[in-house]
Amino acid sequence: MRKTFKKLAALALASAMTLSSSVMASAATMNVYVRQWRQTSSTNTYEGTVTPNPFGLNPVVKVKGVTSGMTYKAALEKAKNNGLKTTWNGNYLTSVAYKTFSWENNGANHNVNKDSAGNTIGAIWKGDSWMWYKGANLYYDVAKYPDTTLGETLVPENLSDTDTFSMVLSYDHSEFAWGTPAAEDNQ
């Protein structure tokens, strides 16, 4: 009886070890591309030009050790080991630094127009912000950006050690008029 129990216990342990090793998380590689996008129309915020990856057409960094269930934010935070430093406000990316560049979200009203009481009645807002999307197409349409944050979106499921997937960080410059802006930039 004792021998049978030991054999069953050994068999159960071997089975458990086999099952646990087959469900262990695999770690994939995430390619991170960077591009700049600049609005070219004062009336259409979706018209613009792309500077594809200021560092060439290859990924800026390759983040190893990305596992299913991880958010894109968590994966990007791992990129600091590759020299890509990110700053966040909750789930929102606010700045990226790499080698000699450091770009951050910013914006302000220009051509501010005020009435006689000092109330602002119009301006042109100009600013830069970080956007993102899945894939490696550096010419992706800005009107199709995901409607979710990097901190809310999970990387692909069922990743294996040999899997590679990509994302693009896009530093976008936009401008739009509201109200009745002043004729000249007074800021």
Protein backbone atom coordinates (compact mmCIF):
# COMPACT_ATOMS: atom_id res chain seq x y z
CA MET A 1 0.00 0.00 0.00
CA ARG A 2 2.79 2.36 0.93
CA LYS A 3 4.67 1.64 -2.32
CA THR A 4 1.51 2.22 -4.34
CA PHE A 5 0.94 5.56 -2.60
CA LYS A 6 4.54 6.65 -3.28
CA LYS A 7 4.20 5.67 -6.94
CA LEU A 8 0.92 7.57 -7.27
CA ALA A 9 2.38 10.60 -5.49
CA ALA A 10 5.41 10.59 -7.81
CA LEU A 11 3.14 10.24 -10.83
CA ALA A 12 0.93 13.09 -9.62
CA LEU A 13 3.97 15.31 -9.02
CA ALA A 14 5.39 14.56 -12.48
CA SER A 15 2.01 15.29 -14.07
CA ALA A 16 1.69 18.57 -12.20
CA MET A 17 5.18 19.64 -13.24
CA THR A 18 4.46 18.78 -16.87
CA LEU A 19 1.19 20.72 -16.86
CA SER A 20 2.67 23.74 -15.12
CA SER A 21 5.56 23.99 -17.56
CA SER A 22 3.16 23.91 -20.50
CA VAL A 23 1.09 26.81 -19.17
CA MET A 24 4.00 28.99 -18.09
CA ALA A 25 3.94 32.41 -19.68
CA SER A 26 5.96 32.79 -22.82
CA ALA A 27 7.73 36.05 -23.48
CA ALA A 28 7.54 37.74 -26.88
CA THR A 29 9.37 40.71 -28.40
CA MET A 30 7.60 44.02 -29.06
CA ASN A 31 9.05 46.31 -31.75
CA VAL A 32 8.51 49.99 -30.96
CA TYR A 33 8.54 52.46 -33.86
CA VAL A 34 8.37 56.25 -33.50
CA ARG A 35 7.06 58.75 -36.01
CA GLN A 36 6.14 62.44 -36.12
CA TRP A 37 2.90 63.68 -37.63
CA ARG A 38 2.20 67.34 -38.39
CA GLN A 39 -1.20 68.77 -39.28
CA THR A 40 -1.09 70.63 -42.62
CA SER A 41 -4.64 72.00 -42.82
CA SER A 42 -6.11 74.70 -40.62
CA THR A 43 -9.62 73.37 -41.21
CA ASN A 44 -9.12 69.58 -41.17
CA THR A 45 -7.36 68.15 -38.11
CA TYR A 46 -6.92 64.80 -39.92
CA GLU A 47 -4.85 66.21 -42.81
CA GLY A 48 -1.14 66.09 -42.25
CA THR A 49 2.28 64.79 -43.14
CA VAL A 50 4.31 62.02 -41.59
CA THR A 51 7.99 62.02 -40.78
CA PRO A 52 8.47 58.27 -40.61
CA ASN A 53 10.54 57.31 -37.66
CA PRO A 54 13.10 60.06 -37.05
CA PHE A 55 15.55 57.23 -36.35
CA GLY A 56 15.10 55.39 -39.63
CA LEU A 57 12.49 52.86 -40.68
CA ASN A 58 13.59 50.21 -38.19
CA PRO A 59 12.19 49.86 -34.68
CA VAL A 60 13.63 52.33 -32.19
CA VAL A 61 13.75 49.58 -29.57
CA LYS A 62 12.89 45.90 -29.32
CA VAL A 63 11.37 45.08 -25.95
CA LYS A 64 11.97 41.49 -24.89
CA GLY A 65 10.03 39.66 -22.20
CA VAL A 66 6.54 40.90 -23.09
CA THR A 67 3.86 38.46 -21.91
CA SER A 68 0.18 38.02 -22.68
CA GLY A 69 -2.02 39.86 -20.19
CA MET A 70 0.45 42.74 -19.97
CA THR A 71 -0.70 46.23 -21.01
CA TYR A 72 1.12 48.21 -23.67
CA LYS A 73 2.03 50.66 -20.89
CA ALA A 74 3.72 47.90 -18.87
CA ALA A 75 5.53 46.70 -22.00
CA LEU A 76 6.75 50.25 -22.75
CA GLU A 77 7.95 50.63 -19.17
CA LYS A 78 10.17 47.58 -19.81
CA ALA A 79 11.70 49.55 -22.72
CA LYS A 80 13.66 51.71 -20.26
CA ASN A 81 16.19 48.85 -20.23
CA ASN A 82 16.70 49.63 -23.94
CA GLY A 83 17.05 53.39 -23.41
CA LEU A 84 13.44 54.43 -24.14
CA LYS A 85 12.20 56.40 -21.14
CA THR A 86 8.50 57.17 -20.73
CA THR A 87 6.53 59.40 -18.37
CA TRP A 88 2.86 58.81 -17.58
CA ASN A 89 -0.17 60.56 -16.16
CA GLY A 90 -2.21 57.55 -15.11
CA ASN A 91 -2.73 55.50 -18.27
CA TYR A 92 -1.74 58.36 -20.59
CA LEU A 93 1.72 58.68 -22.12
CA THR A 94 2.98 62.24 -21.52
CA SER A 95 6.62 62.14 -22.64
CA VAL A 96 9.18 59.96 -24.36
CA ALA A 97 12.95 60.35 -24.21
CA TYR A 98 15.45 58.42 -26.29
CA LYS A 99 19.10 59.23 -26.95
CA THR A 100 19.17 62.94 -27.84
CA PHE A 101 15.46 63.69 -28.00
CA SER A 102 12.84 64.27 -25.33
CA TRP A 103 9.34 65.07 -26.53
CA GLU A 104 6.44 65.79 -24.22
CA ASN A 105 2.78 66.68 -24.50
CA ASN A 106 2.26 70.43 -24.62
CA GLY A 107 -0.16 72.99 -25.92
CA ALA A 108 -1.34 76.56 -25.59
CA ASN A 109 -3.67 79.11 -27.09
CA HIS A 110 -2.16 81.50 -29.66
CA ASN A 111 -3.75 84.47 -31.43
CA VAL A 112 -5.80 85.06 -28.29
CA ASN A 113 -8.65 87.52 -28.83
CA LYS A 114 -10.30 89.21 -25.84
CA ASP A 115 -13.35 91.40 -25.63
CA SER A 116 -13.41 94.79 -23.88
CA ALA A 117 -14.14 93.09 -20.53
CA GLY A 118 -11.03 90.90 -20.85
CA ASN A 119 -12.88 87.67 -21.62
CA THR A 120 -11.24 85.37 -24.15
CA ILE A 121 -13.50 85.10 -27.20
CA GLY A 122 -11.25 83.11 -29.50
CA ALA A 123 -7.80 81.72 -30.17
CA ILE A 124 -5.85 79.11 -32.10
CA TRP A 125 -4.85 76.15 -29.98
CA LYS A 126 -1.49 74.62 -30.97
CA GLY A 127 -0.01 71.58 -29.34
CA ASP A 128 1.84 68.29 -29.48
CA SER A 129 0.73 64.99 -27.99
CA TRP A 130 1.65 61.33 -28.00
CA MET A 131 -0.70 58.99 -29.83
CA TRP A 132 -0.28 55.30 -30.59
CA TYR A 133 -1.51 52.37 -32.65
CA LYS A 134 -0.80 48.69 -33.24
CA GLY A 135 1.34 47.50 -36.14
CA ALA A 136 4.38 48.85 -37.98
CA ASN A 137 2.78 51.03 -40.70
CA LEU A 138 4.43 54.41 -40.23
CA TYR A 139 1.91 56.02 -42.63
CA TYR A 140 -1.20 54.94 -40.69
CA ASP A 141 -4.26 57.23 -40.90
CA VAL A 142 -4.58 59.47 -37.82
CA ALA A 143 -8.37 59.26 -38.04
CA LYS A 144 -8.13 55.57 -37.13
CA TYR A 145 -6.20 55.77 -33.86
CA PRO A 146 -7.48 53.43 -31.14
CA ASP A 147 -10.02 54.92 -28.76
CA THR A 148 -8.24 53.55 -25.70
CA THR A 149 -5.14 54.28 -23.65
CA LEU A 150 -1.88 52.35 -23.52
CA GLY A 151 -2.60 51.60 -19.87
CA GLU A 152 -5.95 49.98 -20.71
CA THR A 153 -5.01 47.97 -23.79
CA LEU A 154 -3.54 44.49 -23.52
CA VAL A 155 -0.82 43.17 -25.81
CA PRO A 156 -1.83 40.24 -28.06
CA GLU A 157 -2.96 36.98 -26.44
CA ASN A 158 -1.24 33.59 -26.63
CA LEU A 159 2.25 34.98 -27.20
CA SER A 160 5.11 32.51 -27.56
CA ASP A 161 8.86 32.99 -27.14
CA THR A 162 9.25 33.29 -30.92
CA ASP A 163 6.46 35.85 -31.43
CA THR A 164 7.18 39.42 -32.44
CA PHE A 165 4.57 42.16 -32.66
CA SER A 166 4.79 45.89 -33.25
CA MET A 167 3.40 49.23 -32.18
CA VAL A 168 3.97 52.84 -33.27
CA LEU A 169 4.26 55.86 -31.00
CA SER A 170 3.23 58.95 -32.97
CA TYR A 171 4.19 62.45 -31.81
CA ASP A 172 1.42 64.58 -33.34
CA HIS A 173 1.24 68.34 -33.79
CA SER A 174 -2.27 69.76 -34.17
CA GLU A 175 -3.80 73.21 -34.42
CA PHE A 176 -7.39 74.39 -34.44
CA ALA A 177 -9.16 77.73 -34.20
CA TRP A 178 -12.04 78.33 -31.84
CA GLY A 179 -14.26 81.38 -31.44
CA THR A 180 -12.82 84.40 -33.23
CA PRO A 181 -9.01 84.33 -33.01
CA ALA A 182 -6.93 87.50 -33.17
CA ALA A 183 -5.27 88.23 -36.52
CA GLU A 184 -1.75 88.01 -35.06
CA ASP A 185 -0.05 85.67 -32.62
CA ASN A 186 0.20 87.64 -29.40
CA GLN A 187 1.62 84.87 -27.21
